[in-house]
Protein backbone atom coordinates (compact mmCIF):
# COMPACT_ATOMS: atom_id res chain seq x y z
CA UNK A 1 5.89 57.63 177.04
CA UNK A 2 6.13 58.43 173.56
CA UNK A 3 4.93 61.67 171.98
CA UNK A 4 4.53 62.84 168.31
CA UNK A 5 5.75 66.43 168.07
CA UNK A 6 4.37 67.96 164.77
CA UNK A 7 6.08 71.35 163.15
CA UNK A 8 6.08 73.10 160.18
CA UNK A 9 9.40 72.29 158.43
CA UNK A 10 11.72 71.69 161.15
CA UNK A 11 14.29 70.00 161.61
CA UNK A 12 14.39 70.71 157.94
CA UNK A 13 15.46 74.22 156.25
CA UNK A 14 16.69 76.90 158.12
CA UNK A 15 13.30 78.08 160.21
CA UNK A 16 11.96 77.24 163.69
CA UNK A 17 15.20 77.17 165.47
CA UNK A 18 13.48 77.94 168.91
CA UNK A 19 10.97 75.20 168.09
CA UNK A 20 14.04 72.72 167.64
CA UNK A 21 15.60 73.76 170.83
CA UNK A 22 12.29 72.98 172.65
CA UNK A 23 12.00 69.82 171.11
CA UNK A 24 15.40 68.92 172.29
CA UNK A 25 14.34 69.70 175.65
CA UNK A 26 11.30 67.95 175.72
CA UNK A 27 13.28 64.76 174.52
CA UNK A 28 14.54 64.57 178.30
CA UNK A 29 11.20 63.81 179.30
CA UNK A 30 9.77 61.62 176.28
CA UNK A 31 10.59 59.79 173.48
CA UNK A 32 9.79 62.20 170.52
CA UNK A 33 8.87 61.65 166.96
CA UNK A 34 9.02 64.62 165.03
CA UNK A 35 6.78 64.99 161.71
CA UNK A 36 7.35 68.33 159.74
CA UNK A 37 4.36 68.95 157.60
CA UNK A 38 6.02 70.42 154.53
CA UNK A 39 9.79 69.80 155.13
CA UNK A 40 12.06 71.79 152.66
CA UNK A 41 15.75 71.22 152.19
CA UNK A 42 18.23 70.00 154.54
CA UNK A 43 19.00 71.02 158.12
CA UNK A 44 20.91 74.36 158.23
CA UNK A 45 22.45 74.06 161.60
CA UNK A 46 23.77 71.08 163.98
CA UNK A 47 21.09 71.12 166.45
CA UNK A 48 18.29 70.48 163.71
CA UNK A 49 20.57 67.65 162.46
CA UNK A 50 20.43 65.75 165.72
CA UNK A 51 16.75 65.60 165.46
CA UNK A 52 16.73 63.99 161.93
CA UNK A 53 16.85 60.42 163.11
CA UNK A 54 13.70 60.66 165.21
CA UNK A 55 11.77 62.43 162.33
CA UNK A 56 9.66 61.12 159.57
CA UNK A 57 10.40 63.20 156.58
CA UNK A 58 8.29 63.13 153.67
CA UNK A 59 6.74 65.66 151.41
CA UNK A 60 3.22 67.26 151.69
CA UNK A 61 2.16 65.18 148.74
CA UNK A 62 3.66 62.43 146.79
CA UNK A 63 2.28 59.15 144.96
CA UNK A 64 2.65 56.88 147.96
CA UNK A 65 0.75 59.27 150.18
CA UNK A 66 -2.11 59.81 147.49
CA UNK A 67 -2.27 55.96 146.98
CA UNK A 68 -2.32 55.55 150.64
CA UNK A 69 -4.92 58.15 150.99
CA UNK A 70 -7.22 56.54 148.26
CA UNK A 71 -7.03 53.28 149.85
CA UNK A 72 -8.17 54.63 153.24
CA UNK A 73 -10.91 56.03 151.85
CA UNK A 74 -11.91 53.16 149.74
CA UNK A 75 -12.17 51.15 152.92
CA UNK A 76 -13.35 53.64 155.37
CA UNK A 77 -15.48 56.26 153.56
CA UNK A 78 -17.49 57.21 156.53
CA UNK A 79 -14.53 58.13 158.60
CA UNK A 80 -13.20 60.31 156.04
CA UNK A 81 -16.43 61.98 155.23
CA UNK A 82 -16.65 62.84 158.81
CA UNK A 83 -13.37 64.65 158.79
CA UNK A 84 -13.79 66.39 155.45
CA UNK A 85 -17.42 67.41 156.76
CA UNK A 86 -15.61 68.98 159.79
CA UNK A 87 -13.16 70.80 157.77
CA UNK A 88 -15.75 71.93 155.28
CA UNK A 89 -18.12 73.23 158.07
CA UNK A 90 -15.43 74.69 160.29
CA UNK A 91 -13.36 76.31 157.64
CA UNK A 92 -14.33 79.99 157.63
CA UNK A 93 -13.25 80.75 154.17
CA UNK A 94 -12.46 79.13 150.61
CA UNK A 95 -8.63 80.09 151.04
CA UNK A 96 -8.86 78.46 154.64
CA UNK A 97 -10.80 75.49 153.54
CA UNK A 98 -8.20 74.59 150.51
CA UNK A 99 -5.36 75.04 152.90
CA UNK A 100 -6.78 72.32 155.32
CA UNK A 101 -8.17 69.98 152.78
CA UNK A 102 -4.31 69.92 151.66
CA UNK A 103 -3.50 68.71 155.07
CA UNK A 104 -5.73 65.53 154.96
CA UNK A 105 -3.78 63.17 152.31
CA UNK A 106 -0.49 63.24 154.42
CA UNK A 107 -2.38 63.30 158.02
CA UNK A 108 -4.15 60.14 156.75
CA UNK A 109 -1.01 58.28 155.63
CA UNK A 110 0.84 59.45 158.72
CA UNK A 111 -1.85 57.98 161.02
CA UNK A 112 -0.79 54.56 159.43
CA UNK A 113 2.83 54.98 159.77
CA UNK A 114 2.16 56.09 163.51
CA UNK A 115 -0.35 53.52 164.16
CA UNK A 116 2.07 50.86 165.50
CA UNK A 117 4.60 53.09 167.01
CA UNK A 118 2.52 53.57 170.66
CA UNK A 119 2.34 57.32 170.53
CA UNK A 120 0.68 58.52 173.42
CA UNK A 121 0.03 62.29 172.75
CA UNK A 122 0.46 64.81 169.75
CA UNK A 123 1.72 68.24 170.23
CA UNK A 124 1.81 70.64 167.39
CA UNK A 125 3.73 73.72 166.99
CA UNK A 126 1.43 76.59 165.28
CA UNK A 127 -2.48 76.78 165.47
CA UNK A 128 -3.16 76.85 161.82
CA UNK A 129 -2.70 74.20 159.13
CA UNK A 130 -0.38 72.09 161.32
CA UNK A 131 -2.86 71.76 164.13
CA UNK A 132 -5.57 70.62 161.53
CA UNK A 133 -2.82 68.00 160.55
CA UNK A 134 -2.52 66.96 164.15
CA UNK A 135 -6.30 67.16 164.65
CA UNK A 136 -6.98 64.42 161.81
CA UNK A 137 -4.22 61.95 163.30
CA UNK A 138 -5.46 62.47 166.66
CA UNK A 139 -8.97 61.45 165.56
CA UNK A 140 -7.94 58.62 163.22
CA UNK A 141 -5.85 57.26 166.05
CA UNK A 142 -8.17 58.13 169.10
CA UNK A 143 -5.09 59.53 170.97
CA UNK A 144 -5.10 63.16 172.57
CA UNK A 145 -3.62 66.23 171.13
CA UNK A 146 -2.41 69.59 172.17
CA UNK A 147 -1.10 72.49 170.40
CA UNK A 148 1.06 75.88 170.66
CA UNK A 149 -0.42 78.99 169.63
CA UNK A 150 1.90 82.03 169.17
CA UNK A 151 0.94 84.98 166.96
CA UNK A 152 0.01 85.12 163.14
CA UNK A 153 -1.31 81.38 163.49
CA UNK A 154 -3.99 82.77 166.13
CA UNK A 155 -5.03 85.60 163.96
CA UNK A 156 -5.60 83.37 160.91
CA UNK A 157 -8.23 81.75 162.88
CA UNK A 158 -8.14 78.43 161.09
CA UNK A 159 -10.83 76.32 162.89
CA UNK A 160 -9.23 77.72 165.89
CA UNK A 161 -12.79 77.23 168.05
CA UNK A 162 -13.02 73.67 167.36
CA UNK A 163 -9.26 73.00 167.88
CA UNK A 164 -9.68 74.48 171.25
CA UNK A 165 -12.77 72.49 172.04
CA UNK A 166 -11.03 69.19 170.83
CA UNK A 167 -7.55 69.86 172.15
CA UNK A 168 -6.64 68.22 175.60
CA UNK A 169 -4.86 71.78 176.41
CA UNK A 170 -3.63 74.73 174.39
CA UNK A 171 -0.28 76.36 175.10
CA UNK A 172 -0.23 80.15 174.44
CA UNK A 173 3.18 81.50 174.24
CA UNK A 174 2.10 85.10 175.49
CA UNK A 175 -0.69 86.64 177.75
CA UNK A 176 -1.62 88.44 174.48
CA UNK A 177 -1.82 85.21 172.83
CA UNK A 178 -4.21 83.86 175.38
CA UNK A 179 -6.35 86.67 175.44
CA UNK A 180 -6.64 86.78 171.48
CA UNK A 181 -7.47 83.20 171.38
CA UNK A 182 -10.50 83.63 174.22
CA UNK A 183 -11.48 86.65 171.99
CA UNK A 184 -11.78 85.09 168.43
CA UNK A 185 -13.39 81.75 170.07
CA UNK A 186 -15.50 83.18 172.88
CA UNK A 187 -14.54 80.30 174.78
CA UNK A 188 -14.08 82.00 178.09
CA UNK A 189 -15.52 79.24 179.90
CA UNK A 190 -12.71 77.26 178.96
CA UNK A 191 -10.12 79.92 180.04
CA UNK A 192 -8.40 77.39 182.20
CA UNK A 193 -7.85 75.03 179.59
CA UNK A 194 -5.44 77.50 177.74
CA UNK A 195 -2.11 77.84 179.57
CA UNK A 196 0.52 80.65 179.10
CA UNK A 197 4.11 79.00 178.94
CA UNK A 198 6.76 81.32 177.27
CA UNK A 199 9.23 80.08 175.02
CA UNK A 200 12.23 79.51 176.89
CA UNK A 201 16.29 79.79 176.43
CA UNK A 202 19.03 78.25 178.17
CA UNK A 203 20.49 80.28 180.93
CA UNK A 204 24.11 80.91 181.32
CA UNK A 205 25.85 82.62 184.53
CA UNK A 206 25.22 86.13 185.19
CA UNK A 207 28.15 88.19 183.41
CA UNK A 208 29.35 91.27 184.50
CA UNK A 209 28.41 94.39 182.26
CA UNK A 210 31.37 94.90 180.14
CA UNK A 211 32.45 98.59 179.06
CA UNK A 212 31.98 99.29 175.67
CA UNK A 213 35.53 100.08 174.40
CA UNK A 214 35.29 99.33 170.69
CA UNK A 215 35.93 102.22 168.48
CA UNK A 216 32.70 101.34 166.43
CA UNK A 217 30.35 99.49 168.88
CA UNK A 218 28.49 96.68 166.99
CA UNK A 219 24.58 96.96 166.78
CA UNK A 220 22.61 94.04 165.67
CA UNK A 221 19.15 93.45 164.43
CA UNK A 222 18.76 89.72 163.75
CA UNK A 223 15.57 89.32 161.99
CA UNK A 224 14.28 88.18 158.67
CA UNK A 225 14.25 91.13 156.21
CA UNK A 226 10.35 91.42 156.06
CA UNK A 227 8.03 94.91 156.66
CA UNK A 228 7.21 93.68 160.15
CA UNK A 229 10.47 93.77 161.54
CA UNK A 230 10.84 97.75 160.94
CA UNK A 231 14.50 97.80 159.63
CA UNK A 232 13.59 101.30 157.78
CA UNK A 233 13.28 102.77 161.31
CA UNK A 234 16.55 101.55 162.44
CA UNK A 235 18.33 102.83 159.19
CA UNK A 236 16.78 106.23 159.84
CA UNK A 237 17.68 106.24 163.32
CA UNK A 238 21.23 105.28 162.45
CA UNK A 239 21.28 108.20 159.91
CA UNK A 240 20.49 110.54 162.63
CA UNK A 241 23.26 109.20 165.01
CA UNK A 242 25.66 109.55 162.16
CA UNK A 243 24.82 113.02 161.87
CA UNK A 244 25.57 113.79 165.52
CA UNK A 245 29.01 111.80 164.72
CA UNK A 246 28.16 108.71 166.68
CA UNK A 247 30.32 105.88 165.52
CA UNK A 248 28.76 102.23 165.13
CA UNK A 249 28.77 99.40 162.92
CA UNK A 250 24.96 97.79 162.31
CA UNK A 251 24.80 94.06 161.39
CA UNK A 252 21.51 93.19 159.67
CA UNK A 253 21.38 89.30 160.31
CA UNK A 254 18.52 87.71 158.13
CA UNK A 255 17.33 87.58 154.71
CA UNK A 256 13.79 87.96 152.93
CA UNK A 257 11.88 89.78 150.59
CA UNK A 258 12.53 93.43 151.75
CA UNK A 259 16.54 93.11 150.86
CA UNK A 260 16.15 95.55 147.79
CA UNK A 261 14.34 98.19 149.67
CA UNK A 262 16.47 97.95 152.65
CA UNK A 263 19.69 97.88 150.60
CA UNK A 264 18.53 101.19 148.94
CA UNK A 265 17.58 102.94 151.72
CA UNK A 266 21.10 102.08 153.34
CA UNK A 267 22.67 103.59 150.01
CA UNK A 268 20.39 106.68 149.85
CA UNK A 269 21.24 107.53 153.35
CA UNK A 270 24.95 107.24 152.69
CA UNK A 271 25.50 104.44 155.40
CA UNK A 272 27.00 101.74 153.36
CA UNK A 273 30.31 101.92 155.38
CA UNK A 274 28.38 101.50 158.64
CA UNK A 275 25.55 99.02 157.59
CA UNK A 276 26.27 95.26 156.87
CA UNK A 277 23.52 93.05 155.61
CA UNK A 278 25.03 89.82 156.65
CA UNK A 279 22.39 87.25 155.30
CA UNK A 280 21.17 84.45 157.19
CA UNK A 281 23.14 83.10 160.32
CA UNK A 282 22.48 79.47 161.52
CA UNK A 283 21.13 79.74 165.06
CA UNK A 284 24.27 78.48 166.80
CA UNK A 285 26.83 80.97 165.13
CA UNK A 286 24.47 83.68 166.35
CA UNK A 287 24.49 82.28 169.65
CA UNK A 288 28.14 82.12 169.62
CA UNK A 289 28.13 85.64 168.67
CA UNK A 290 26.21 87.04 171.76
CA UNK A 291 27.85 84.43 174.02
CA UNK A 292 31.08 86.02 173.20
CA UNK A 293 29.75 89.59 173.46
CA UNK A 294 30.83 90.35 170.15
CA UNK A 295 27.36 92.17 169.83
CA UNK A 296 26.88 95.40 172.27
CA UNK A 297 23.07 95.93 171.57
CA UNK A 298 20.32 94.15 169.89
CA UNK A 299 17.81 96.53 168.38
CA UNK A 300 14.53 95.08 167.02
CA UNK A 301 12.37 97.99 165.52
CA UNK A 302 9.28 96.11 165.00
CA UNK A 303 5.99 97.54 163.69
CA UNK A 304 2.44 96.60 163.13
CA UNK A 305 1.96 96.36 159.35
CA UNK A 306 -1.35 97.51 157.54
CA UNK A 307 -2.32 93.89 157.31
CA UNK A 308 -2.07 93.65 161.17
CA UNK A 309 0.91 91.61 161.27
CA UNK A 310 2.74 91.96 164.38
CA UNK A 311 5.27 90.46 166.77
CA UNK A 312 4.45 87.73 169.53
CA UNK A 313 7.51 88.00 172.10
CA UNK A 314 10.73 87.50 169.90
CA UNK A 315 12.93 84.80 170.97
CA UNK A 316 15.92 86.54 169.67
CA UNK A 317 15.29 89.57 172.51
CA UNK A 318 15.05 86.79 175.09
CA UNK A 319 18.34 85.16 173.55
CA UNK A 320 20.15 88.42 173.94
CA UNK A 321 18.93 89.25 177.42
CA UNK A 322 20.12 85.66 178.58
CA UNK A 323 23.45 86.68 177.30
CA UNK A 324 23.61 89.89 179.17
CA UNK A 325 23.00 92.10 176.24
CA UNK A 326 20.96 95.21 176.32
CA UNK A 327 17.99 95.43 173.83
CA UNK A 328 15.79 97.97 172.41
CA UNK A 329 12.14 97.49 170.77
CA UNK A 330 8.75 98.80 170.18
CA UNK A 331 5.54 98.79 172.25
CA UNK A 332 4.09 96.24 169.75
CA UNK A 333 2.51 92.71 169.84
CA UNK A 334 3.80 90.86 172.86
CA UNK A 335 6.89 92.68 173.54
CA UNK A 336 5.52 94.72 176.49
CA UNK A 337 5.26 91.54 178.41
CA UNK A 338 9.00 91.02 177.73
CA UNK A 339 10.21 94.59 178.40
CA UNK A 340 7.44 96.34 180.14
CA UNK A 341 9.38 96.66 183.38
CA UNK A 342 11.88 98.23 181.89
CA UNK A 343 14.09 95.16 181.42
CA UNK A 344 14.89 96.68 177.87
CA UNK A 345 13.95 99.80 176.16
CA UNK A 346 10.51 100.22 174.45
CA UNK A 347 10.11 103.00 172.02
CA UNK A 348 7.16 103.78 170.05
CA UNK A 349 6.68 102.11 166.69
CA UNK A 350 7.98 103.92 163.55
CA UNK A 351 9.38 106.70 165.71
CA UNK A 352 12.95 107.03 164.23
CA UNK A 353 13.84 109.69 166.61
CA UNK A 354 12.96 107.93 169.86
CA UNK A 355 14.62 105.13 168.44
CA UNK A 356 17.90 107.10 167.95
CA UNK A 357 17.64 108.73 171.35
CA UNK A 358 17.43 105.04 172.84
CA UNK A 359 20.52 103.90 170.99
CA UNK A 360 22.57 106.77 171.98
CA UNK A 361 21.88 106.39 175.45
CA UNK A 362 22.35 102.63 175.84
CA UNK A 363 25.92 102.99 173.80
CA UNK A 364 27.01 106.02 175.97
CA UNK A 365 25.47 105.49 179.44
CA UNK A 366 27.27 102.49 181.66
CA UNK A 367 24.92 102.74 184.46
CA UNK A 368 21.75 102.62 182.06
CA UNK A 369 23.27 99.55 180.49
CA UNK A 370 23.96 97.69 183.77
CA UNK A 371 20.73 98.37 184.85
CA UNK A 372 19.05 96.88 181.59
CA UNK A 373 21.33 93.92 181.69
CA UNK A 374 20.79 92.87 185.14
CA UNK A 375 16.96 93.27 185.18
CA UNK A 376 16.78 91.65 181.55
CA UNK A 377 18.74 88.40 182.63
CA UNK A 378 16.81 88.23 185.94
CA UNK A 379 13.56 88.36 184.21
CA UNK A 380 14.55 85.99 181.46
CA UNK A 381 15.64 83.50 184.43
CA UNK A 382 12.33 83.75 186.35
CA UNK A 383 9.85 83.54 183.20
CA UNK A 384 11.79 82.48 180.03
CA UNK A 385 14.09 79.76 181.43
CA UNK A 386 13.82 76.72 178.90
CA UNK A 387 14.38 74.12 181.39
CA UNK A 388 11.39 75.26 183.70
CA UNK A 389 9.24 76.03 180.98
CA UNK A 390 9.75 72.84 179.19
CA UNK A 391 8.95 70.87 182.35
CA UNK A 392 5.69 72.52 182.61
CA UNK A 393 4.84 71.72 179.09
CA UNK A 394 6.04 68.17 179.62
CA UNK A 395 3.70 67.89 182.79
CA UNK A 396 0.68 69.15 180.99
CA UNK A 397 1.28 66.67 178.08
CA UNK A 398 1.86 63.77 180.86
CA UNK A 399 -1.21 64.58 183.09
CA UNK A 400 -3.63 65.25 179.72
CA UNK A 401 -2.44 61.96 178.27
CA UNK A 402 -2.77 59.78 181.48
CA UNK A 403 -6.53 61.42 182.05
CA UNK A 404 -7.46 60.73 178.54
CA UNK A 405 -6.13 57.03 178.64
CA UNK A 406 -8.04 56.60 181.88
CA UNK A 407 -11.28 57.86 180.32
């Protein structure tokens, strides 16, 4: 069986590392062709490079795609007209409409490319323009499609009701995501069509909890430098710890538009000697650091922004827990699904004092660390095991593809 997996930019660029990992695992079940809708740059890590030979890399629009679309439109105006009418009718705003229309030429062109490749199923990651792209190809080729929905892509509500209705199934990456899909679409009678399958990580054998013997324990915050990640509150918390003469080093691993604000705050607090903005790390480099236990604690002080942006279930927390590293985060988004049973510490968002206290307790209390590590590891092994979860996704793809082919 052969499937087409649609992404935003992976395997190109540096994003969607967890999507790449999932596709590599799904390849154990199916032959996979990957199509990124907007590939930008070369792969930035080895795992992504491995997918290149099975990927169709083309820009969102170029002369060849535009000519191919115009030829198809000239030969089949009724088909394209129906697709365009659906998009116009279902797009809830001019912005959403324009984003969807941008998908049409490449989707039409790719349907011609895929026509003779014996694709049995299309699976799309992200519920917004990526699934618009997959929906068009599905209609043109007459094959089933499904999609994975995470967080921001659900809130955009881009033709979401139609996509749920037309998909063979929907994969929600958290219970909160499933609830939001049902609330936005009102399709409560199709609740069984939406399956909660968490993003998974590989599981290594449980390690013993190591004593923190370093003079300066290493705290890491691996996250894009964006408002939603709440770096401000980690810096304020660490300032409080420094005032209490607690020693530490804090690594901010990531890049993004908030760099200048974060750097200025670190300097204004006089924390230049213990804070290090490391920039972007390739996924495999970060995994090696955690596997070698060179990081003692992972902190993700996420917030809900004024625009309503919030976390799903951050994969970095799952990965840290799989390597027996204690984690601290906030009670926002889907994080309570991961840490709600005290497999990590959750504090109230935007509460620097509570965050400082949690960091202090983890760094100084071995018994607390040991409990967090064991609970965290056991939870990840049970609910976020990549092998088990990819098998669930593969089974859904196979069952729904077979059912649609019989119909």
